[in-house]
Amino acid sequence: MTLRIPLLALMLSTAALAEPSQLDLGIGLSAISLPDYRGSDEQRSYLLPVPYISYRSDKIEISRAGLRGKLFDSERAELDLSLNITPPSHSKDNAARAGMPRLSPTLEAGPSLKYRLNAQDAAVRWDLVLPLRAAFVVDDWRTRYIGTVLNPKLAAEWRAGEDEVWRLAWSGGALVGSRKQHEYFYGVDAEFARPDRPAYQAHSGYAGLQTTFSASREIGDYWLGVFLRADQLDGARFAASPLLKQKTTLSGGIALAWRFYRDTGL
């Protein structure tokens, strides 16, 4: 929600294209359903309070793309900083990972090159987006590097409905991960092997396809957002992992936020 779409990201990744406002603050409630990890056959639902933030300046933007620090901007190309978060997964609640260490939340950060593919005045904006992020495990306020993720994708943004009140976005592309990143999610050390879960060492390379659709609109002082994401893991380099239980996983959510502060004069 590039959580993946994860909690705060639900609010960030579909928040505010509204031109008049440079800073909006609010609080909301989200209902989200996520697999324990990509390829897991177990799903969790969460009902959680989340902040709403929409901010624009010459150098920093919180919008559909999430949190971005603009390093370079031209008529067609932008070089941004991008972030992504994945939620934790407790192994005791997941049959495939029973007895294994829990999956702590991960933070991904790195540069993202966005290149506009069509004219500025086109009804639908099409971009080629090339994010490259370093991944870190975040556990007990400590971080540990677990490799890199490349996610080349096409992205589209447009408006729909009466008076174009709905702001819509679609993105789709491949994921490519390093060995360490795949090993964290799909590797099985010998000490955790059992008859139905043999030891497995992951490899770097192709990690499947990911497609995301999101929609948002403003209703007075309220903001409504929804998203749906599909992951297709056919042909992934870790396809032989005993932890990969299904080749297609879905996640989605809805959020409603009340914006209690708006400043248009920054």
Protein backbone atom coordinates (compact mmCIF):
# COMPACT_ATOMS: atom_id res chain seq x y z
CA MET A 1 0.00 0.00 0.00
CA THR A 2 5.00 0.86 -2.66
CA LEU A 3 3.05 -2.81 5.61
CA ARG A 4 2.96 -3.94 1.42
CA ILE A 5 0.05 -2.46 1.47
CA PRO A 6 0.69 -2.00 4.98
CA LEU A 7 -0.96 -0.08 7.76
CA LEU A 8 0.47 3.43 7.52
CA ALA A 9 1.07 2.85 3.81
CA LEU A 10 -2.68 2.48 3.26
CA MET A 11 -3.05 6.09 4.28
CA LEU A 12 0.12 7.25 2.54
CA SER A 13 -0.08 5.37 -0.73
CA THR A 14 -3.58 6.51 -1.66
CA ALA A 15 -3.62 9.82 0.18
CA ALA A 16 -4.38 13.15 -1.31
CA LEU A 17 -3.71 14.41 -4.75
CA ALA A 18 -5.55 17.55 -3.66
CA GLU A 19 -3.71 20.55 -5.11
CA PRO A 20 -5.01 23.27 -2.73
CA SER A 21 -3.69 21.70 0.46
CA GLN A 22 -0.03 21.33 1.34
CA LEU A 23 -0.54 19.81 4.77
CA ASP A 24 -3.44 17.68 6.04
CA LEU A 25 -3.44 15.85 9.35
CA GLY A 26 -6.06 13.43 10.58
CA ILE A 27 -6.86 10.19 12.31
CA GLY A 28 -8.75 7.22 10.95
CA LEU A 29 -9.65 3.58 11.23
CA SER A 30 -8.60 0.87 8.80
CA ALA A 31 -9.73 -2.69 8.18
CA ILE A 32 -7.02 -4.67 6.39
CA SER A 33 -6.58 -8.30 5.35
CA LEU A 34 -3.04 -9.50 4.62
CA PRO A 35 -1.33 -12.86 4.08
CA ASP A 36 1.29 -13.67 6.73
CA TYR A 37 3.83 -13.28 3.93
CA ARG A 38 3.77 -13.50 0.14
CA GLY A 39 2.93 -17.10 -0.67
CA SER A 40 1.43 -17.91 2.72
CA ASP A 41 -1.86 -19.82 2.79
CA GLU A 42 -2.88 -18.09 6.03
CA GLN A 43 -4.46 -14.65 6.15
CA ARG A 44 -4.88 -12.17 9.02
CA SER A 45 -7.39 -9.36 9.40
CA TYR A 46 -6.65 -6.21 11.37
CA LEU A 47 -8.85 -3.36 12.61
CA LEU A 48 -6.48 -0.59 13.56
CA PRO A 49 -6.33 3.17 14.08
CA VAL A 50 -3.98 4.88 11.64
CA PRO A 51 -2.80 8.44 11.09
CA TYR A 52 -3.66 10.39 7.96
CA ILE A 53 -0.90 12.60 6.53
CA SER A 54 -0.77 14.51 3.27
CA TYR A 55 2.12 16.89 2.76
CA ARG A 56 3.72 18.66 -0.18
CA SER A 57 6.79 20.88 -0.40
CA ASP A 58 9.54 21.43 -2.94
CA LYS A 59 11.61 18.59 -1.48
CA ILE A 60 9.27 16.26 0.43
CA GLU A 61 5.95 14.78 -0.54
CA ILE A 62 3.57 12.37 1.13
CA SER A 63 1.06 11.28 -1.47
CA ARG A 64 0.08 8.25 -3.56
CA ALA A 65 3.72 7.20 -3.83
CA GLY A 66 4.15 7.16 -0.08
CA LEU A 67 6.93 9.16 1.58
CA ARG A 68 9.24 10.70 -1.02
CA GLY A 69 12.17 13.03 -0.77
CA LYS A 70 12.77 14.57 -4.19
CA LEU A 71 16.44 14.37 -5.10
CA PHE A 72 16.03 15.33 -8.74
CA ASP A 73 13.07 16.56 -10.77
CA SER A 74 12.76 17.40 -14.47
CA GLU A 75 9.84 17.68 -16.89
CA ARG A 76 9.78 13.91 -17.42
CA ALA A 77 11.92 12.31 -14.70
CA GLU A 78 12.03 12.31 -10.91
CA LEU A 79 14.56 10.70 -8.61
CA ASP A 80 12.92 10.08 -5.25
CA LEU A 81 13.51 8.36 -1.95
CA SER A 82 11.03 5.52 -1.42
CA LEU A 83 10.02 3.47 1.61
CA ASN A 84 8.16 0.21 2.06
CA ILE A 85 7.17 -1.72 5.20
CA THR A 86 6.07 -5.32 5.73
CA PRO A 87 4.19 -6.41 8.87
CA PRO A 88 5.39 -8.96 11.43
CA SER A 89 4.22 -12.58 11.39
CA HIS A 90 4.18 -14.73 14.53
CA SER A 91 5.28 -18.26 13.63
CA LYS A 92 3.22 -19.82 16.42
CA ASP A 93 0.12 -18.67 14.54
CA ASN A 94 1.27 -19.99 11.15
CA ALA A 95 1.26 -23.75 10.58
CA ALA A 96 3.93 -23.66 7.84
CA ARG A 97 6.37 -21.82 10.13
CA ALA A 98 5.50 -23.60 13.40
CA GLY A 99 8.58 -23.81 15.63
CA MET A 100 10.55 -21.32 13.52
CA PRO A 101 11.58 -17.80 14.54
CA ARG A 102 8.92 -15.17 13.97
CA LEU A 103 9.09 -12.84 10.98
CA SER A 104 9.79 -9.38 12.36
CA PRO A 105 8.61 -6.30 10.48
CA THR A 106 10.91 -5.16 7.70
CA LEU A 107 11.74 -1.71 6.40
CA GLU A 108 12.87 -1.10 2.82
CA ALA A 109 14.44 2.21 1.77
CA GLY A 110 16.23 3.43 -1.33
CA PRO A 111 16.11 5.55 -4.50
CA SER A 112 13.26 5.35 -7.01
CA LEU A 113 13.47 6.68 -10.57
CA LYS A 114 10.11 7.68 -12.05
CA TYR A 115 9.86 8.53 -15.77
CA ARG A 116 6.66 9.94 -17.24
CA LEU A 117 5.69 8.11 -20.42
CA ASN A 118 2.98 10.43 -21.80
CA ALA A 119 2.04 14.10 -22.04
CA GLN A 120 1.48 16.25 -18.98
CA ASP A 121 -2.14 17.01 -19.97
CA ALA A 122 -3.12 13.36 -20.65
CA ALA A 123 -6.25 12.12 -18.86
CA VAL A 124 -4.31 9.13 -17.50
CA ARG A 125 -0.76 9.62 -16.29
CA TRP A 126 1.55 6.70 -17.12
CA ASP A 127 4.93 6.30 -15.45
CA LEU A 128 7.78 3.83 -15.52
CA VAL A 129 8.92 3.43 -11.92
CA LEU A 130 12.24 1.82 -10.95
CA PRO A 131 12.66 1.55 -7.16
CA LEU A 132 15.73 -0.13 -5.67
CA ARG A 133 15.56 -0.56 -1.90
CA ALA A 134 17.76 -1.99 0.82
CA ALA A 135 15.79 -4.19 3.24
CA PHE A 136 16.23 -4.25 7.01
CA VAL A 137 14.63 -6.30 9.77
CA VAL A 138 13.33 -4.08 12.57
CA ASP A 139 13.23 -5.97 15.87
CA ASP A 140 13.27 -4.49 19.40
CA TRP A 141 14.35 -1.12 17.97
CA ARG A 142 17.36 -2.69 16.29
CA THR A 143 17.87 -3.13 12.54
CA ARG A 144 19.61 -5.85 10.56
CA TYR A 145 20.35 -5.74 6.82
CA ILE A 146 18.70 -8.55 4.84
CA GLY A 147 19.45 -7.70 1.22
CA THR A 148 17.91 -5.67 -1.60
CA VAL A 149 14.68 -5.53 -3.59
CA LEU A 150 14.20 -4.24 -7.14
CA ASN A 151 10.62 -3.57 -8.27
CA PRO A 152 10.38 -2.24 -11.86
CA LYS A 153 6.75 -1.44 -12.68
CA LEU A 154 4.28 0.54 -14.73
CA ALA A 155 2.03 2.92 -12.84
CA ALA A 156 -1.07 4.85 -13.85
CA GLU A 157 -3.06 7.61 -12.12
CA TRP A 158 -6.38 9.11 -13.18
CA ARG A 159 -9.65 10.56 -11.89
CA ALA A 160 -13.17 9.25 -12.34
CA GLY A 161 -16.77 9.79 -11.29
CA GLU A 162 -18.92 12.89 -11.28
CA ASP A 163 -16.63 15.94 -11.04
CA GLU A 164 -13.73 13.46 -10.98
CA VAL A 165 -14.07 12.99 -7.23
CA TRP A 166 -12.40 9.56 -7.25
CA ARG A 167 -8.62 9.41 -7.52
CA LEU A 168 -7.56 6.08 -8.91
CA ALA A 169 -4.17 4.40 -9.23
CA TRP A 170 -2.90 1.15 -10.69
CA SER A 171 0.58 -0.33 -10.72
CA GLY A 172 2.01 -3.65 -11.88
CA GLY A 173 5.45 -5.12 -12.23
CA ALA A 174 8.01 -7.71 -11.22
CA LEU A 175 9.90 -8.13 -7.97
CA VAL A 176 13.55 -9.19 -7.90
CA GLY A 177 15.24 -9.94 -4.58
CA SER A 178 18.69 -10.79 -3.32
CA ARG A 179 19.49 -14.18 -1.75
CA LYS A 180 19.47 -12.77 1.80
CA GLN A 181 16.09 -11.15 1.29
CA HIS A 182 14.54 -14.39 -0.04
CA GLU A 183 16.26 -16.44 2.64
CA TYR A 184 14.66 -14.37 5.39
CA PHE A 185 11.13 -15.23 4.24
CA TYR A 186 11.54 -18.63 2.57
CA GLY A 187 14.69 -20.29 3.92
CA VAL A 188 14.51 -23.23 6.33
CA ASP A 189 17.61 -23.92 8.44
CA ALA A 190 18.48 -27.56 9.15
CA GLU A 191 17.59 -27.16 12.84
CA PHE A 192 13.99 -26.31 11.89
CA ALA A 193 13.59 -29.05 9.26
CA ARG A 194 11.02 -31.81 9.73
CA PRO A 195 9.48 -34.47 7.46
CA ASP A 196 6.90 -32.09 5.98
CA ARG A 197 9.31 -29.12 5.93
CA PRO A 198 12.74 -30.03 4.55
CA ALA A 199 15.72 -27.71 4.88
CA TYR A 200 15.85 -25.13 2.10
CA GLN A 201 18.28 -22.41 1.02
CA ALA A 202 16.84 -19.62 -1.10
CA HIS A 203 18.48 -18.00 -4.13
CA SER A 204 18.46 -14.51 -5.59
CA GLY A 205 16.41 -13.56 -8.62
CA TYR A 206 12.83 -13.28 -9.81
CA ALA A 207 10.26 -13.04 -7.00
CA GLY A 208 6.98 -12.93 -8.89
CA LEU A 209 4.58 -10.26 -10.09
CA GLN A 210 2.65 -7.74 -8.03
CA THR A 211 -0.38 -5.68 -9.06
CA THR A 212 -2.05 -3.02 -6.94
CA PHE A 213 -5.22 -0.97 -7.45
CA SER A 214 -6.22 1.85 -5.12
CA ALA A 215 -8.98 4.45 -5.00
CA SER A 216 -9.58 7.42 -2.74
CA ARG A 217 -11.87 10.41 -2.44
CA GLU A 218 -12.58 13.32 -0.14
CA ILE A 219 -16.00 13.75 1.51
CA GLY A 220 -15.94 17.09 3.30
CA ASP A 221 -13.48 16.75 6.16
CA TYR A 222 -13.29 12.99 5.63
CA TRP A 223 -11.09 10.86 3.40
CA LEU A 224 -12.02 7.39 2.15
CA GLY A 225 -9.49 4.98 0.67
CA VAL A 226 -9.51 1.38 -0.53
CA PHE A 227 -6.89 -0.90 -2.07
CA LEU A 228 -6.57 -4.39 -3.52
CA ARG A 229 -3.25 -6.14 -4.20
CA ALA A 230 -2.50 -9.44 -5.93
CA ASP A 231 0.83 -11.32 -5.85
CA GLN A 232 1.55 -14.01 -8.42
CA LEU A 233 4.53 -16.23 -7.52
CA ASP A 234 4.67 -18.67 -10.42
CA GLY A 235 8.28 -19.12 -11.50
CA ALA A 236 9.77 -17.40 -8.46
CA ARG A 237 13.32 -18.46 -7.54
CA PHE A 238 12.06 -19.68 -4.15
CA ALA A 239 9.18 -21.72 -5.63
CA ALA A 240 10.66 -24.93 -4.16
CA SER A 241 10.57 -23.59 -0.60
CA PRO A 242 8.30 -25.63 1.70
CA LEU A 243 7.12 -22.30 3.11
CA LEU A 244 5.59 -21.27 -0.23
CA LYS A 245 2.08 -22.67 0.16
CA GLN A 246 0.20 -20.98 -2.67
CA LYS A 247 1.21 -19.17 -5.84
CA THR A 248 -1.37 -16.38 -5.64
CA THR A 249 -2.06 -14.21 -2.59
CA LEU A 250 -4.48 -11.32 -2.19
CA SER A 251 -4.54 -8.44 0.25
CA GLY A 252 -6.90 -5.53 0.60
CA GLY A 253 -8.28 -2.93 2.90
CA ILE A 254 -10.46 0.09 3.47
CA ALA A 255 -9.85 3.17 5.61
CA LEU A 256 -11.84 6.21 6.67
CA ALA A 257 -10.08 9.22 8.16
CA TRP A 258 -11.24 12.49 9.68
CA ARG A 259 -8.97 15.40 8.75
CA PHE A 260 -8.90 17.71 11.75
CA TYR A 261 -6.15 20.05 10.47
CA ARG A 262 -5.66 21.60 7.05
CA ASP A 263 -3.09 24.25 6.12
CA THR A 264 -3.05 25.66 2.60
CA GLY A 265 -0.64 28.47 3.25
CA LEU A 266 2.71 26.76 3.84
